[in-house]
């Protein structure tokens, strides 16, 4: 199943793709609206929600404003240095345990909306990533059972303000400027993809030029291991998201560096999931 969250004439809505690829859905004000994706994943009623949405009106994706798939996740756990070539270009050692930092939903930007380069920095970098969404609560989850806890996948652009990211050993501020984290456009359930989202081509393009190109099979800590290792420390809850890491080719590591500027268009494409597209504006 493939879902999109959207807004039409100021009203929020949700839609699901049918067998023909067309989206059908309902607005929040309509009878039978099953709730937001946050609510549906927490309730575990994806099939029931899809049936309700499928009976709704056809939704023309070109006539609506996309919203982020999950607007209020309990936890947003981002993994740094999870591709060996990215760790190398960052001049850091490949970690023997996932490098975890947090992002907050206040910085999310949906597909089609602008990413915002802050007024206080011109070092706005892109990072294309695949997102895994938790669907079943768990703690101390074994690797063997880890994928049973993943309900689906999406796409993220972990826009980073590099000079603020490296001002302290903790990356939180540089990773959480308002309007810097692209998320969407779709949420795809796990049954639509290879196990763990493995073997998918991931590519980031800036103004049409390929900047990052890799496979999700290159993750040093794949989705299975990430779920298991993270759950050794904390209970993973339905609706939590794991942003799995970015491959090499980021802007700050290039010679000369390449940073996003107003007027640029950044696209992150993950095979079998979709393409997240955002223009860049100045604050």
C-alpha atoms as a PDB file:
ATOM      1  CA  UNK A   1       0.000   0.000   0.000  1.00  0.00           C
ATOM      2  CA  UNK A   2       1.103   3.530  -0.826  1.00  0.00           C
ATOM      3  CA  UNK A   3      -0.297   6.480   1.123  1.00  0.00           C
ATOM      4  CA  UNK A   4      -0.017  10.237   0.718  1.00  0.00           C
ATOM      5  CA  UNK A   5      -0.960  12.895   3.245  1.00  0.00           C
ATOM      6  CA  UNK A   6      -2.202  16.078   1.599  1.00  0.00           C
ATOM      7  CA  UNK A   7      -4.089  19.312   1.982  1.00  0.00           C
ATOM      8  CA  UNK A   8      -6.788  20.522  -0.405  1.00  0.00           C
ATOM      9  CA  UNK A   9      -8.269  24.000  -0.102  1.00  0.00           C
ATOM     10  CA  UNK A  10      -7.063  24.173   3.482  1.00  0.00           C
ATOM     11  CA  UNK A  11      -8.505  20.818   4.507  1.00  0.00           C
ATOM     12  CA  UNK A  12      -6.176  17.935   5.464  1.00  0.00           C
ATOM     13  CA  UNK A  13      -6.673  14.554   3.852  1.00  0.00           C
ATOM     14  CA  UNK A  14      -5.224  11.120   3.246  1.00  0.00           C
ATOM     15  CA  UNK A  15      -5.189   8.930   0.139  1.00  0.00           C
ATOM     16  CA  UNK A  16      -4.135   5.437  -0.884  1.00  0.00           C
ATOM     17  CA  UNK A  17      -3.034   4.187  -4.302  1.00  0.00           C
ATOM     18  CA  UNK A  18      -5.233   1.601  -5.971  1.00  0.00           C
ATOM     19  CA  UNK A  19      -4.181  -1.271  -8.199  1.00  0.00           C
ATOM     20  CA  UNK A  20      -4.190   1.116 -11.164  1.00  0.00           C
ATOM     21  CA  UNK A  21      -1.808   3.503  -9.395  1.00  0.00           C
ATOM     22  CA  UNK A  22      -4.463   6.195  -9.001  1.00  0.00           C
ATOM     23  CA  UNK A  23      -4.889   7.730  -5.542  1.00  0.00           C
ATOM     24  CA  UNK A  24      -8.275   7.788  -3.838  1.00  0.00           C
ATOM     25  CA  UNK A  25      -8.924   9.372  -0.497  1.00  0.00           C
ATOM     26  CA  UNK A  26     -10.914  11.407   1.948  1.00  0.00           C
ATOM     27  CA  UNK A  27     -10.653  14.745   3.667  1.00  0.00           C
ATOM     28  CA  UNK A  28     -10.597  14.887   7.466  1.00  0.00           C
ATOM     29  CA  UNK A  29     -14.062  16.447   7.406  1.00  0.00           C
ATOM     30  CA  UNK A  30     -15.537  13.561   5.369  1.00  0.00           C
ATOM     31  CA  UNK A  31     -17.535  10.733   6.897  1.00  0.00           C
ATOM     32  CA  UNK A  32     -15.422   7.624   7.254  1.00  0.00           C
ATOM     33  CA  UNK A  33     -12.079   9.437   7.384  1.00  0.00           C
ATOM     34  CA  UNK A  34      -9.774   6.920   9.122  1.00  0.00           C
ATOM     35  CA  UNK A  35      -7.409   9.438  10.696  1.00  0.00           C
ATOM     36  CA  UNK A  36      -3.872  10.599  10.043  1.00  0.00           C
ATOM     37  CA  UNK A  37      -1.082   8.142   9.241  1.00  0.00           C
ATOM     38  CA  UNK A  38       0.300   8.753  12.737  1.00  0.00           C
ATOM     39  CA  UNK A  39      -3.029   7.633  14.208  1.00  0.00           C
ATOM     40  CA  UNK A  40      -3.520   4.730  11.793  1.00  0.00           C
ATOM     41  CA  UNK A  41      -0.073   3.231  12.340  1.00  0.00           C
ATOM     42  CA  UNK A  42      -0.501   3.498  16.099  1.00  0.00           C
ATOM     43  CA  UNK A  43      -3.864   1.748  15.888  1.00  0.00           C
ATOM     44  CA  UNK A  44      -2.583  -0.928  13.511  1.00  0.00           C
ATOM     45  CA  UNK A  45      -5.585  -0.565  11.157  1.00  0.00           C
ATOM     46  CA  UNK A  46      -3.793   0.044   7.845  1.00  0.00           C
ATOM     47  CA  UNK A  47      -5.907  -2.399   5.844  1.00  0.00           C
ATOM     48  CA  UNK A  48      -9.144  -1.010   7.203  1.00  0.00           C
ATOM     49  CA  UNK A  49      -7.944   2.526   6.529  1.00  0.00           C
ATOM     50  CA  UNK A  50      -6.956   1.639   2.963  1.00  0.00           C
ATOM     51  CA  UNK A  51     -10.401   0.176   2.315  1.00  0.00           C
ATOM     52  CA  UNK A  52     -12.101   3.347   3.574  1.00  0.00           C
ATOM     53  CA  UNK A  53      -9.833   5.619   1.554  1.00  0.00           C
ATOM     54  CA  UNK A  54     -10.135   3.495  -1.573  1.00  0.00           C
ATOM     55  CA  UNK A  55     -13.867   4.181  -1.606  1.00  0.00           C
ATOM     56  CA  UNK A  56     -13.227   7.918  -1.623  1.00  0.00           C
ATOM     57  CA  UNK A  57     -12.795  10.397  -4.434  1.00  0.00           C
ATOM     58  CA  UNK A  58      -9.939  10.264  -6.907  1.00  0.00           C
ATOM     59  CA  UNK A  59      -7.142  12.535  -5.733  1.00  0.00           C
ATOM     60  CA  UNK A  60      -5.105  14.313  -8.379  1.00  0.00           C
ATOM     61  CA  UNK A  61      -1.656  14.625  -6.810  1.00  0.00           C
ATOM     62  CA  UNK A  62      -0.980  17.685  -8.994  1.00  0.00           C
ATOM     63  CA  UNK A  63      -3.925  19.568  -7.509  1.00  0.00           C
ATOM     64  CA  UNK A  64      -3.139  19.140  -3.804  1.00  0.00           C
ATOM     65  CA  UNK A  65      -0.394  20.236  -1.432  1.00  0.00           C
ATOM     66  CA  UNK A  66       1.554  17.313  -0.012  1.00  0.00           C
ATOM     67  CA  UNK A  67       1.998  17.089   3.735  1.00  0.00           C
ATOM     68  CA  UNK A  68       4.671  15.084   5.527  1.00  0.00           C
ATOM     69  CA  UNK A  69       3.617  11.442   5.966  1.00  0.00           C
ATOM     70  CA  UNK A  70       4.098  11.517   9.731  1.00  0.00           C
ATOM     71  CA  UNK A  71       3.671  14.892  11.374  1.00  0.00           C
ATOM     72  CA  UNK A  72       3.995  13.799  15.003  1.00  0.00           C
ATOM     73  CA  UNK A  73       6.324  10.818  15.372  1.00  0.00           C
ATOM     74  CA  UNK A  74       7.238   9.959  18.931  1.00  0.00           C
ATOM     75  CA  UNK A  75      10.920   9.590  18.070  1.00  0.00           C
ATOM     76  CA  UNK A  76      12.953  10.616  15.030  1.00  0.00           C
ATOM     77  CA  UNK A  77      16.178   8.616  15.257  1.00  0.00           C
ATOM     78  CA  UNK A  78      18.764   9.552  12.631  1.00  0.00           C
ATOM     79  CA  UNK A  79      21.836   7.467  11.881  1.00  0.00           C
ATOM     80  CA  UNK A  80      25.078   9.173  10.952  1.00  0.00           C
ATOM     81  CA  UNK A  81      28.074   7.693   9.115  1.00  0.00           C
ATOM     82  CA  UNK A  82      26.135   4.583   8.074  1.00  0.00           C
ATOM     83  CA  UNK A  83      27.734   4.210   4.641  1.00  0.00           C
ATOM     84  CA  UNK A  84      31.471   3.438   4.730  1.00  0.00           C
ATOM     85  CA  UNK A  85      32.238   5.785   1.839  1.00  0.00           C
ATOM     86  CA  UNK A  86      30.439   8.659   3.577  1.00  0.00           C
ATOM     87  CA  UNK A  87      32.369   8.032   6.804  1.00  0.00           C
ATOM     88  CA  UNK A  88      35.583   8.105   4.761  1.00  0.00           C
ATOM     89  CA  UNK A  89      34.739  11.364   2.961  1.00  0.00           C
ATOM     90  CA  UNK A  90      33.855  12.872   6.362  1.00  0.00           C
ATOM     91  CA  UNK A  91      37.322  11.848   7.582  1.00  0.00           C
ATOM     92  CA  UNK A  92      35.796   9.828  10.394  1.00  0.00           C
ATOM     93  CA  UNK A  93      36.281   6.206  11.355  1.00  0.00           C
ATOM     94  CA  UNK A  94      33.517   3.790  10.493  1.00  0.00           C
ATOM     95  CA  UNK A  95      31.597   3.300  13.773  1.00  0.00           C
ATOM     96  CA  UNK A  96      31.256  -0.069  15.484  1.00  0.00           C
ATOM     97  CA  UNK A  97      27.864   1.001  16.884  1.00  0.00           C
ATOM     98  CA  UNK A  98      25.308   3.237  15.131  1.00  0.00           C
ATOM     99  CA  UNK A  99      25.946   6.967  15.448  1.00  0.00           C
ATOM    100  CA  UNK A 100      22.540   8.184  16.586  1.00  0.00           C
ATOM    101  CA  UNK A 101      21.216  11.728  16.777  1.00  0.00           C
ATOM    102  CA  UNK A 102      17.709  13.138  17.051  1.00  0.00           C
ATOM    103  CA  UNK A 103      15.716  15.344  14.743  1.00  0.00           C
ATOM    104  CA  UNK A 104      12.431  17.009  15.611  1.00  0.00           C
ATOM    105  CA  UNK A 105       9.249  17.236  13.578  1.00  0.00           C
ATOM    106  CA  UNK A 106       9.295  21.049  13.861  1.00  0.00           C
ATOM    107  CA  UNK A 107      11.932  21.053  11.112  1.00  0.00           C
ATOM    108  CA  UNK A 108      10.049  18.816   8.646  1.00  0.00           C
ATOM    109  CA  UNK A 109       9.162  20.058   5.162  1.00  0.00           C
ATOM    110  CA  UNK A 110       6.827  18.099   2.834  1.00  0.00           C
ATOM    111  CA  UNK A 111       7.396  17.203  -0.795  1.00  0.00           C
ATOM    112  CA  UNK A 112       6.923  20.264  -2.980  1.00  0.00           C
ATOM    113  CA  UNK A 113       7.386  22.790  -0.184  1.00  0.00           C
ATOM    114  CA  UNK A 114      10.568  24.863   0.069  1.00  0.00           C
ATOM    115  CA  UNK A 115      13.599  23.965   2.099  1.00  0.00           C
ATOM    116  CA  UNK A 116      14.774  27.066   3.974  1.00  0.00           C
ATOM    117  CA  UNK A 117      18.397  28.155   4.023  1.00  0.00           C
ATOM    118  CA  UNK A 118      18.772  30.100   7.273  1.00  0.00           C
ATOM    119  CA  UNK A 119      19.869  33.708   7.262  1.00  0.00           C
ATOM    120  CA  UNK A 120      22.833  32.977   9.543  1.00  0.00           C
ATOM    121  CA  UNK A 121      24.557  30.376   7.356  1.00  0.00           C
ATOM    122  CA  UNK A 122      25.261  29.612   3.703  1.00  0.00           C
ATOM    123  CA  UNK A 123      26.463  26.060   4.415  1.00  0.00           C
ATOM    124  CA  UNK A 124      23.194  24.216   3.769  1.00  0.00           C
ATOM    125  CA  UNK A 125      23.942  20.639   2.728  1.00  0.00           C
ATOM    126  CA  UNK A 126      21.783  17.815   1.364  1.00  0.00           C
ATOM    127  CA  UNK A 127      21.661  14.199   2.593  1.00  0.00           C
ATOM    128  CA  UNK A 128      19.378  11.737   0.819  1.00  0.00           C
ATOM    129  CA  UNK A 129      18.152   8.910   3.060  1.00  0.00           C
ATOM    130  CA  UNK A 130      15.647   6.072   3.334  1.00  0.00           C
ATOM    131  CA  UNK A 131      13.280   6.113   6.316  1.00  0.00           C
ATOM    132  CA  UNK A 132      12.022   3.032   8.180  1.00  0.00           C
ATOM    133  CA  UNK A 133       8.772   3.412  10.139  1.00  0.00           C
ATOM    134  CA  UNK A 134       8.075   1.374  13.272  1.00  0.00           C
ATOM    135  CA  UNK A 135       4.664  -0.296  13.353  1.00  0.00           C
ATOM    136  CA  UNK A 136       4.885  -2.641  16.343  1.00  0.00           C
ATOM    137  CA  UNK A 137       6.082  -1.775  19.834  1.00  0.00           C
ATOM    138  CA  UNK A 138       9.175  -3.560  21.089  1.00  0.00           C
ATOM    139  CA  UNK A 139      12.177  -3.548  23.396  1.00  0.00           C
ATOM    140  CA  UNK A 140      15.258  -5.797  23.171  1.00  0.00           C
ATOM    141  CA  UNK A 141      14.141  -6.982  19.740  1.00  0.00           C
ATOM    142  CA  UNK A 142      16.218  -9.755  18.178  1.00  0.00           C
ATOM    143  CA  UNK A 143      17.617  -9.270  14.687  1.00  0.00           C
ATOM    144  CA  UNK A 144      15.641 -12.311  13.600  1.00  0.00           C
ATOM    145  CA  UNK A 145      12.374 -10.589  14.543  1.00  0.00           C
ATOM    146  CA  UNK A 146      13.359  -6.982  13.855  1.00  0.00           C
ATOM    147  CA  UNK A 147      11.619  -6.544  10.511  1.00  0.00           C
ATOM    148  CA  UNK A 148       8.339  -7.701  12.041  1.00  0.00           C
ATOM    149  CA  UNK A 149       8.377  -4.331  13.820  1.00  0.00           C
ATOM    150  CA  UNK A 150       8.796  -2.246  10.634  1.00  0.00           C
ATOM    151  CA  UNK A 151       5.542  -1.266   8.951  1.00  0.00           C
ATOM    152  CA  UNK A 152       6.911   0.693   6.013  1.00  0.00           C
ATOM    153  CA  UNK A 153       9.302   3.161   4.434  1.00  0.00           C
ATOM    154  CA  UNK A 154       9.617   6.702   3.146  1.00  0.00           C
ATOM    155  CA  UNK A 155      12.275   9.215   2.028  1.00  0.00           C
ATOM    156  CA  UNK A 156      14.132  11.975   3.885  1.00  0.00           C
ATOM    157  CA  UNK A 157      16.491  14.797   2.982  1.00  0.00           C
ATOM    158  CA  UNK A 158      18.486  15.382   6.157  1.00  0.00           C
ATOM    159  CA  UNK A 159      19.303  18.993   5.342  1.00  0.00           C
ATOM    160  CA  UNK A 160      22.244  20.025   7.519  1.00  0.00           C
ATOM    161  CA  UNK A 161      23.676  23.410   8.451  1.00  0.00           C
ATOM    162  CA  UNK A 162      27.281  22.261   8.446  1.00  0.00           C
ATOM    163  CA  UNK A 163      29.017  25.104  10.282  1.00  0.00           C
ATOM    164  CA  UNK A 164      26.541  24.794  13.152  1.00  0.00           C
ATOM    165  CA  UNK A 165      26.695  20.987  13.072  1.00  0.00           C
ATOM    166  CA  UNK A 166      30.430  21.007  13.806  1.00  0.00           C
ATOM    167  CA  UNK A 167      30.463  23.833  16.345  1.00  0.00           C
ATOM    168  CA  UNK A 168      30.033  21.272  19.142  1.00  0.00           C
ATOM    169  CA  UNK A 169      30.550  17.498  19.442  1.00  0.00           C
ATOM    170  CA  UNK A 170      26.755  17.119  19.462  1.00  0.00           C
ATOM    171  CA  UNK A 171      25.026  17.613  16.095  1.00  0.00           C
ATOM    172  CA  UNK A 172      21.563  18.528  17.376  1.00  0.00           C
ATOM    173  CA  UNK A 173      21.473  22.237  16.509  1.00  0.00           C
ATOM    174  CA  UNK A 174      22.968  21.903  13.030  1.00  0.00           C
ATOM    175  CA  UNK A 175      20.475  19.156  12.205  1.00  0.00           C
ATOM    176  CA  UNK A 176      17.347  20.923  13.449  1.00  0.00           C
ATOM    177  CA  UNK A 177      17.046  24.337  11.880  1.00  0.00           C
ATOM    178  CA  UNK A 178      13.450  25.116  10.960  1.00  0.00           C
ATOM    179  CA  UNK A 179      12.419  24.089   7.464  1.00  0.00           C
ATOM    180  CA  UNK A 180      15.502  22.009   6.653  1.00  0.00           C
ATOM    181  CA  UNK A 181      14.313  18.371   6.721  1.00  0.00           C
ATOM    182  CA  UNK A 182      12.463  17.195   3.611  1.00  0.00           C
ATOM    183  CA  UNK A 183      10.139  14.217   4.248  1.00  0.00           C
ATOM    184  CA  UNK A 184       7.885  12.296   1.851  1.00  0.00           C
ATOM    185  CA  UNK A 185       6.125  12.278  -0.518  1.00  0.00           C
ATOM    186  CA  UNK A 186       4.769   8.780   0.168  1.00  0.00           C
ATOM    187  CA  UNK A 187       4.619   6.138   2.851  1.00  0.00           C
ATOM    188  CA  UNK A 188       5.003   2.650   1.367  1.00  0.00           C
ATOM    189  CA  UNK A 189       4.149  -0.419   3.422  1.00  0.00           C
ATOM    190  CA  UNK A 190       6.873  -3.002   3.932  1.00  0.00           C
ATOM    191  CA  UNK A 191       5.163  -5.693   1.875  1.00  0.00           C
ATOM    192  CA  UNK A 192       5.683  -3.572  -1.258  1.00  0.00           C
ATOM    193  CA  UNK A 193       9.495  -3.619  -0.926  1.00  0.00           C
ATOM    194  CA  UNK A 194      12.377  -6.053  -0.483  1.00  0.00           C
ATOM    195  CA  UNK A 195      12.901  -7.154   3.134  1.00  0.00           C
ATOM    196  CA  UNK A 196      14.454  -4.322   5.119  1.00  0.00           C
ATOM    197  CA  UNK A 197      14.278  -2.023   2.116  1.00  0.00           C
ATOM    198  CA  UNK A 198      17.533  -3.631   0.973  1.00  0.00           C
ATOM    199  CA  UNK A 199      18.985  -3.399  -2.522  1.00  0.00           C
ATOM    200  CA  UNK A 200      17.208  -0.181  -3.497  1.00  0.00           C
ATOM    201  CA  UNK A 201      19.003   2.450  -5.526  1.00  0.00           C
ATOM    202  CA  UNK A 202      19.191   5.797  -3.720  1.00  0.00           C
ATOM    203  CA  UNK A 203      20.109   8.959  -5.580  1.00  0.00           C
ATOM    204  CA  UNK A 204      20.280  12.661  -4.745  1.00  0.00           C
ATOM    205  CA  UNK A 205      20.195  15.245  -7.529  1.00  0.00           C
ATOM    206  CA  UNK A 206      20.886  18.967  -7.206  1.00  0.00           C
ATOM    207  CA  UNK A 207      19.550  20.967 -10.138  1.00  0.00           C
ATOM    208  CA  UNK A 208      19.436  17.720 -12.093  1.00  0.00           C
ATOM    209  CA  UNK A 209      23.059  16.763 -11.419  1.00  0.00           C
ATOM    210  CA  UNK A 210      23.594  13.452  -9.610  1.00  0.00           C
ATOM    211  CA  UNK A 211      25.388  14.141  -6.332  1.00  0.00           C
ATOM    212  CA  UNK A 212      24.797  10.875  -4.454  1.00  0.00           C
ATOM    213  CA  UNK A 213      24.248   7.410  -5.928  1.00  0.00           C
ATOM    214  CA  UNK A 214      24.325   4.185  -3.943  1.00  0.00           C
ATOM    215  CA  UNK A 215      22.356   1.142  -2.849  1.00  0.00           C
ATOM    216  CA  UNK A 216      20.621   0.683   0.477  1.00  0.00           C
ATOM    217  CA  UNK A 217      22.458  -2.650   0.627  1.00  0.00           C
ATOM    218  CA  UNK A 218      25.584  -0.562   1.325  1.00  0.00           C
ATOM    219  CA  UNK A 219      24.284   0.414   4.771  1.00  0.00           C
ATOM    220  CA  UNK A 220      26.779  -0.734   7.397  1.00  0.00           C
ATOM    221  CA  UNK A 221      23.937  -1.118   9.896  1.00  0.00           C
ATOM    222  CA  UNK A 222      20.935  -2.275   7.894  1.00  0.00           C
ATOM    223  CA  UNK A 223      17.339  -1.798   9.014  1.00  0.00           C
ATOM    224  CA  UNK A 224      17.257  -5.167  10.743  1.00  0.00           C
ATOM    225  CA  UNK A 225      20.327  -4.368  12.848  1.00  0.00           C
ATOM    226  CA  UNK A 226      19.258  -0.800  13.535  1.00  0.00           C
ATOM    227  CA  UNK A 227      15.902  -1.883  14.958  1.00  0.00           C
ATOM    228  CA  UNK A 228      17.561  -4.502  17.128  1.00  0.00           C
ATOM    229  CA  UNK A 229      20.367  -2.270  18.398  1.00  0.00           C
ATOM    230  CA  UNK A 230      18.193   0.773  19.047  1.00  0.00           C
ATOM    231  CA  UNK A 231      15.651  -1.341  20.913  1.00  0.00           C
ATOM    232  CA  UNK A 232      18.373  -2.518  23.273  1.00  0.00           C
ATOM    233  CA  UNK A 233      18.319   1.005  24.722  1.00  0.00           C
ATOM    234  CA  UNK A 234      14.763   2.219  24.264  1.00  0.00           C
ATOM    235  CA  UNK A 235      11.289   0.949  23.538  1.00  0.00           C
ATOM    236  CA  UNK A 236      10.429   1.524  19.901  1.00  0.00           C
ATOM    237  CA  UNK A 237       6.836   2.644  19.486  1.00  0.00           C
ATOM    238  CA  UNK A 238       4.481   2.620  16.495  1.00  0.00           C
ATOM    239  CA  UNK A 239       5.036   5.772  14.481  1.00  0.00           C
ATOM    240  CA  UNK A 240       8.684   6.196  15.487  1.00  0.00           C
ATOM    241  CA  UNK A 241      10.895   6.737  12.456  1.00  0.00           C
ATOM    242  CA  UNK A 242      14.491   5.742  11.768  1.00  0.00           C
ATOM    243  CA  UNK A 243      16.348   7.847   9.201  1.00  0.00           C
ATOM    244  CA  UNK A 244      18.893   5.300   8.099  1.00  0.00           C
ATOM    245  CA  UNK A 245      21.871   7.341   6.873  1.00  0.00           C
ATOM    246  CA  UNK A 246      23.280   8.962   3.747  1.00  0.00           C
ATOM    247  CA  UNK A 247      25.846   7.758   1.197  1.00  0.00           C
ATOM    248  CA  UNK A 248      28.910   9.642  -0.035  1.00  0.00           C
ATOM    249  CA  UNK A 249      28.729  12.704  -2.251  1.00  0.00           C
ATOM    250  CA  UNK A 250      27.521  15.258   0.290  1.00  0.00           C
ATOM    251  CA  UNK A 251      28.311  18.869  -0.462  1.00  0.00           C
ATOM    252  CA  UNK A 252      30.757  19.711   2.307  1.00  0.00           C
ATOM    253  CA  UNK A 253      33.118  16.889   1.283  1.00  0.00           C
ATOM    254  CA  UNK A 254      33.387  18.018  -2.336  1.00  0.00           C
ATOM    255  CA  UNK A 255      36.280  20.070  -3.640  1.00  0.00           C
ATOM    256  CA  UNK A 256      35.226  22.790  -3.851  1.00  0.00           C
ATOM    257  CA  UNK A 257      32.294  22.347  -1.454  1.00  0.00           C
ATOM    258  CA  UNK A 258      28.787  22.497  -2.901  1.00  0.00           C
ATOM    259  CA  UNK A 259      26.021  23.879  -0.706  1.00  0.00           C
ATOM    260  CA  UNK A 260      22.363  24.422  -1.496  1.00  0.00           C
ATOM    261  CA  UNK A 261      21.404  28.000  -2.269  1.00  0.00           C
ATOM    262  CA  UNK A 262      18.137  29.823  -2.954  1.00  0.00           C
ATOM    263  CA  UNK A 263      16.729  28.832  -6.333  1.00  0.00           C
ATOM    264  CA  UNK A 264      18.220  25.330  -6.260  1.00  0.00           C
ATOM    265  CA  UNK A 265      16.076  22.206  -6.614  1.00  0.00           C
ATOM    266  CA  UNK A 266      17.040  19.099  -4.641  1.00  0.00           C
ATOM    267  CA  UNK A 267      15.571  15.688  -5.396  1.00  0.00           C
ATOM    268  CA  UNK A 268      16.042  12.461  -3.439  1.00  0.00           C
ATOM    269  CA  UNK A 269      14.895   9.314  -5.198  1.00  0.00           C
ATOM    270  CA  UNK A 270      14.682   5.863  -3.646  1.00  0.00           C
ATOM    271  CA  UNK A 271      13.864   3.030  -6.009  1.00  0.00           C
ATOM    272  CA  UNK A 272      10.341   1.601  -5.636  1.00  0.00           C
ATOM    273  CA  UNK A 273       9.425   4.314  -3.119  1.00  0.00           C
ATOM    274  CA  UNK A 274       9.452   7.570  -5.063  1.00  0.00           C
ATOM    275  CA  UNK A 275      11.078  10.979  -5.407  1.00  0.00           C
ATOM    276  CA  UNK A 276      11.145  13.752  -2.823  1.00  0.00           C
ATOM    277  CA  UNK A 277      11.528  17.152  -4.498  1.00  0.00           C
ATOM    278  CA  UNK A 278      12.088  20.511  -2.837  1.00  0.00           C
ATOM    279  CA  UNK A 279      13.168  23.930  -4.002  1.00  0.00           C
ATOM    280  CA  UNK A 280      15.424  26.025  -1.775  1.00  0.00           C
ATOM    281  CA  UNK A 281      14.575  29.515  -0.556  1.00  0.00           C
ATOM    282  CA  UNK A 282      16.283  32.040   1.689  1.00  0.00           C
ATOM    283  CA  UNK A 283      14.946  32.666   5.181  1.00  0.00           C
END
